[in-house]
Amino acid sequence: MGIPIPNVNPVLLLESAAVVTAALSAMITAAKKEMDLVGVYILALVTSFGGGAIRDLILDRRPFFFVQRWEYVVLIMALCIPFVYSRRLYLWSRTLVARADIIDALGLGFFTVSGTALAVRAGMPAVICALLGVVTSSGGGVIRDLVINEIPQLFKHGRLQSAAALVGASIYLGLLHLGWTSDSRSALIAVTITVLLRLSALWQGTTLPRPHWLHTGNWRAASTDEHHRP
C-alpha cells in the first residue's frame, strides 16, 4: 500500500511562494534601514499586500486580499521574529532572495494576470484592467520604497518590471477579446510571456530604450535664449 500524496494546488503554492519572497525581500530592506521588529513586519506587510489593497480599494472589493488570506499575515509575523533575532536566518534569507529570480518572475506574472482578471470581472474598461494588473503586481514595492524615503525601484531604468506586467496584462486582455482560446489558457499564455520578459531583464539585462538624459546627464530643456544663441 503506497503512501498517499497530498493534493497540492499549484496556484496556491505559487501564490504562497511569491508572497513569502516579497516579504523576505522587504525584511532585508528593513534590516538595511536599521528598523526594529515592528518596522520589519510593517514593511513586509505593505510590500506583500500593498498592490492588492490598492486594487481592492479601486474595485470596491471586499474582503481585502490580506483579510481573505489572513494566514499570510500570521506567516509573515512568524518569519519576522526569527529573522530579526537570528543572524543565521537573516543570512539564509538574503541568499534565498538573491537566488529567487524565477519565483520573482512567476509572482509578477501571476499577480499581474490575477489583478487584471478581477478588474475584467468588475466590468472595468480594458486600459484600467491592464493598469490594475500592473498595480497588483508592483504596487507593494512602490509603497515600500516610499516608506523608506527612496525613489521607487519600479521607476528606475533597467528593471523591466512594470513594462513586463503591462505587456502580460495586454496580451491577456487581447486574447480574451479575440476569443481564440479559453480564459485559463489566455491566463497561462500571458503569465508565460510576463515571466520570460522579466527573466530576460534579470538574466540577460534586457531593458527598455535608455532615456536620453541617462546618456548625457542633460535633463534640463533648453531655454528660448539658448535656442537662438549664435
Protein backbone atom coordinates (compact mmCIF):
# COMPACT_ATOMS: atom_id res chain seq x y z
CA MET A 1 0.00 0.00 0.00
CA GLY A 2 1.55 3.28 -1.13
CA ILE A 3 1.81 6.46 0.86
CA PRO A 4 -0.99 8.87 -0.15
CA ILE A 5 0.27 12.01 -1.88
CA PRO A 6 -1.49 15.21 -0.76
CA ASN A 7 -3.35 17.15 -3.43
CA VAL A 8 -1.42 20.42 -3.64
CA ASN A 9 -2.95 23.34 -5.51
CA PRO A 10 -0.15 24.69 -7.76
CA VAL A 11 -1.76 28.14 -7.94
CA LEU A 12 -1.87 28.40 -4.14
CA LEU A 13 1.72 27.14 -3.95
CA LEU A 14 2.88 29.82 -6.41
CA GLU A 15 0.91 32.50 -4.57
CA SER A 16 2.45 31.48 -1.24
CA ALA A 17 6.00 31.43 -2.67
CA ALA A 18 5.54 34.87 -4.23
CA VAL A 19 4.13 36.38 -1.02
CA VAL A 20 6.91 34.92 1.13
CA THR A 21 9.64 36.04 -1.29
CA ALA A 22 8.24 39.58 -1.39
CA ALA A 23 8.05 39.64 2.41
CA LEU A 24 11.63 38.40 2.84
CA SER A 25 12.90 40.96 0.32
CA ALA A 26 11.16 43.73 2.28
CA MET A 27 12.54 42.39 5.55
CA ILE A 28 16.08 42.57 4.17
CA THR A 29 15.44 46.16 3.07
CA ALA A 30 14.15 46.98 6.56
CA ALA A 31 17.29 45.48 8.11
CA LYS A 32 19.46 47.69 5.89
CA LYS A 33 17.48 50.68 7.15
CA GLU A 34 18.10 49.52 10.76
CA MET A 35 14.41 49.06 11.61
CA ASP A 36 13.18 47.14 14.63
CA LEU A 37 10.73 44.22 14.70
CA VAL A 38 7.69 46.45 14.18
CA GLY A 39 9.27 48.22 11.22
CA VAL A 40 10.35 44.94 9.63
CA TYR A 41 6.86 43.49 10.00
CA ILE A 42 5.02 46.56 8.67
CA LEU A 43 7.36 46.90 5.68
CA ALA A 44 6.92 43.21 4.87
CA LEU A 45 3.13 43.56 5.03
CA VAL A 46 2.88 46.63 2.81
CA THR A 47 5.23 45.09 0.25
CA SER A 48 3.33 41.81 0.10
CA PHE A 49 -0.21 43.20 0.15
CA GLY A 50 0.03 46.86 -0.88
CA GLY A 51 -0.69 46.34 -4.57
CA GLY A 52 -3.65 44.08 -3.91
CA ALA A 53 -5.05 46.51 -1.33
CA ILE A 54 -4.91 49.41 -3.82
CA ARG A 55 -6.64 47.24 -6.43
CA ASP A 56 -9.35 46.19 -3.98
CA LEU A 57 -9.95 49.81 -2.95
CA ILE A 58 -10.38 50.91 -6.57
CA LEU A 59 -12.67 47.97 -7.36
CA ASP A 60 -14.54 48.35 -4.05
CA ARG A 61 -13.82 44.67 -3.48
CA ARG A 62 -14.32 43.11 -0.06
CA PRO A 63 -12.81 41.44 1.81
CA PHE A 64 -9.34 42.71 1.01
CA PHE A 65 -6.86 40.11 -0.23
CA PHE A 66 -4.86 40.17 3.02
CA VAL A 67 -8.09 39.69 5.02
CA GLN A 68 -9.22 36.85 2.78
CA ARG A 69 -5.77 35.27 3.09
CA TRP A 70 -5.17 36.21 6.73
CA GLU A 71 -2.92 33.17 7.14
CA TYR A 72 -0.19 35.08 5.27
CA VAL A 73 -0.34 37.86 7.87
CA VAL A 74 0.38 35.31 10.59
CA LEU A 75 3.04 33.56 8.49
CA ILE A 76 4.93 36.79 7.88
CA MET A 77 4.97 37.55 11.60
CA ALA A 78 6.25 34.02 12.23
CA LEU A 79 9.09 34.73 9.78
CA CYS A 80 9.85 38.22 11.11
CA ILE A 81 10.60 37.20 14.69
CA PRO A 82 13.44 34.75 13.95
CA PHE A 83 14.60 36.96 11.06
CA VAL A 84 15.13 39.89 13.44
CA TYR A 85 16.77 37.90 16.23
CA SER A 86 18.66 35.18 14.35
CA ARG A 87 21.74 36.12 12.34
CA ARG A 88 21.70 32.72 10.66
CA LEU A 89 18.14 33.10 9.34
CA TYR A 90 18.93 36.62 8.18
CA LEU A 91 21.88 35.40 6.11
CA TRP A 92 19.83 32.46 4.79
CA SER A 93 17.04 34.84 3.74
CA ARG A 94 19.49 37.03 1.83
CA THR A 95 20.80 34.00 -0.04
CA LEU A 96 17.29 32.79 -0.83
CA VAL A 97 16.06 36.15 -2.14
CA ALA A 98 19.21 36.59 -4.23
CA ARG A 99 18.50 33.25 -5.94
CA ALA A 100 14.74 33.66 -6.25
CA ASP A 101 14.65 35.14 -9.76
CA ILE A 102 12.22 32.52 -11.05
CA ILE A 103 9.85 32.98 -8.10
CA ASP A 104 10.09 36.75 -8.61
CA ALA A 105 9.17 36.41 -12.28
CA LEU A 106 6.41 33.87 -11.65
CA GLY A 107 4.93 36.05 -8.92
CA LEU A 108 4.97 39.07 -11.25
CA GLY A 109 3.13 37.14 -13.95
CA PHE A 110 0.67 35.52 -11.56
CA PHE A 111 -0.36 38.68 -9.71
CA THR A 112 -0.49 40.72 -12.93
CA VAL A 113 -2.95 38.36 -14.57
CA SER A 114 -4.99 37.78 -11.40
CA GLY A 115 -5.35 41.53 -10.85
CA THR A 116 -6.30 42.06 -14.48
CA ALA A 117 -8.86 39.25 -14.33
CA LEU A 118 -10.50 40.70 -11.22
CA ALA A 119 -10.81 44.06 -12.94
CA VAL A 120 -12.36 42.40 -16.00
CA ARG A 121 -14.96 40.68 -13.81
CA ALA A 122 -15.74 44.04 -12.21
CA GLY A 123 -16.55 45.47 -15.66
CA MET A 124 -13.66 47.95 -15.85
CA PRO A 125 -12.50 49.37 -19.23
CA ALA A 126 -9.62 47.44 -20.80
CA VAL A 127 -6.98 50.11 -20.12
CA ILE A 128 -7.98 50.24 -16.44
CA CYS A 129 -7.88 46.44 -16.25
CA ALA A 130 -4.31 46.43 -17.57
CA LEU A 131 -3.20 49.18 -15.18
CA LEU A 132 -4.77 47.40 -12.21
CA GLY A 133 -2.85 44.29 -13.21
CA VAL A 134 0.37 46.29 -13.01
CA VAL A 135 -0.68 47.86 -9.70
CA THR A 136 -1.49 44.46 -8.21
CA SER A 137 1.92 43.01 -9.05
CA SER A 138 4.09 46.08 -8.43
CA GLY A 139 2.24 48.46 -6.11
CA GLY A 140 3.59 46.93 -2.92
CA GLY A 141 7.17 47.58 -3.96
CA VAL A 142 6.35 51.21 -4.73
CA ILE A 143 4.79 51.68 -1.28
CA ARG A 144 7.83 50.02 0.33
CA ASP A 145 10.24 52.43 -1.34
CA LEU A 146 8.11 55.46 -0.47
CA VAL A 147 8.01 54.36 3.19
CA ILE A 148 11.81 54.20 3.32
CA ASN A 149 12.04 57.56 1.50
CA GLU A 150 13.59 56.34 -1.73
CA ILE A 151 12.66 56.73 -5.39
CA PRO A 152 10.72 53.53 -6.19
CA GLN A 153 12.84 50.93 -7.96
CA LEU A 154 9.92 50.44 -10.34
CA PHE A 155 10.54 53.91 -11.78
CA LYS A 156 14.23 53.37 -12.45
CA HIS A 157 15.67 52.29 -15.78
CA GLY A 158 16.61 48.67 -16.29
CA ARG A 159 14.03 46.85 -14.16
CA LEU A 160 11.61 45.79 -16.94
CA GLN A 161 9.07 45.03 -14.24
CA SER A 162 6.10 47.29 -14.90
CA ALA A 163 6.73 47.01 -18.65
CA ALA A 164 6.65 43.20 -18.49
CA ALA A 165 3.50 43.33 -16.38
CA LEU A 166 1.80 45.74 -18.78
CA VAL A 167 2.66 43.55 -21.78
CA GLY A 168 1.35 40.46 -19.99
CA ALA A 169 -1.89 42.18 -18.97
CA SER A 170 -2.40 43.50 -22.50
CA ILE A 171 -1.87 40.07 -24.02
CA TYR A 172 -4.35 38.54 -21.59
CA LEU A 173 -6.96 41.17 -22.46
CA GLY A 174 -6.29 40.80 -26.18
CA LEU A 175 -6.74 37.03 -26.08
CA LEU A 176 -9.98 37.40 -24.10
CA HIS A 177 -11.28 39.92 -26.64
CA LEU A 178 -10.39 37.76 -29.62
CA GLY A 179 -11.84 34.65 -28.02
CA TRP A 180 -9.27 32.38 -29.64
CA THR A 181 -8.78 30.31 -26.52
CA SER A 182 -10.23 29.73 -23.04
CA ASP A 183 -9.80 32.09 -20.09
CA SER A 184 -7.38 29.72 -18.34
CA ARG A 185 -5.22 29.29 -21.44
CA SER A 186 -5.20 33.03 -22.04
CA ALA A 187 -4.01 33.49 -18.47
CA LEU A 188 -1.29 30.85 -18.90
CA ILE A 189 -0.01 32.45 -22.11
CA ALA A 190 0.03 35.91 -20.51
CA VAL A 191 1.83 34.67 -17.38
CA THR A 192 4.40 32.84 -19.52
CA ILE A 193 5.21 35.91 -21.61
CA THR A 194 5.44 38.12 -18.50
CA VAL A 195 7.80 35.63 -16.86
CA LEU A 196 10.01 35.41 -19.94
CA LEU A 197 10.26 39.19 -20.22
CA ARG A 198 11.12 39.55 -16.54
CA LEU A 199 13.74 36.80 -16.66
CA SER A 200 15.29 38.33 -19.78
CA ALA A 201 15.79 41.52 -17.77
CA LEU A 202 17.20 39.70 -14.73
CA TRP A 203 19.45 37.28 -16.63
CA GLN A 204 20.23 39.00 -19.95
CA GLY A 205 19.98 42.65 -18.99
CA THR A 206 17.12 43.39 -21.40
CA THR A 207 15.71 46.88 -20.85
CA LEU A 208 13.55 49.50 -22.46
CA PRO A 209 15.45 52.06 -24.58
CA ARG A 210 17.51 54.27 -22.29
CA PRO A 211 16.18 57.84 -21.79
CA HIS A 212 18.42 60.41 -23.43
CA TRP A 213 19.21 62.15 -20.13
CA LEU A 214 20.78 58.96 -18.80
CA HIS A 215 23.21 59.08 -21.74
CA THR A 216 24.10 62.75 -21.42
CA GLY A 217 23.10 63.80 -17.91
CA ASN A 218 21.39 66.80 -19.57
CA TRP A 219 17.81 66.62 -18.34
CA ARG A 220 17.05 70.35 -18.49
CA ALA A 221 15.16 71.61 -21.53
CA ALA A 222 16.99 74.36 -23.39
CA SER A 223 15.57 77.85 -22.85
CA THR A 224 14.37 80.06 -25.70
CA ASP A 225 17.51 82.17 -25.43
CA GLU A 226 19.71 79.08 -25.73
CA HIS A 227 17.91 78.02 -28.93
CA HIS A 228 18.60 81.39 -30.55
CA ARG A 229 22.11 81.78 -29.20
CA PRO A 230 24.66 82.11 -32.09
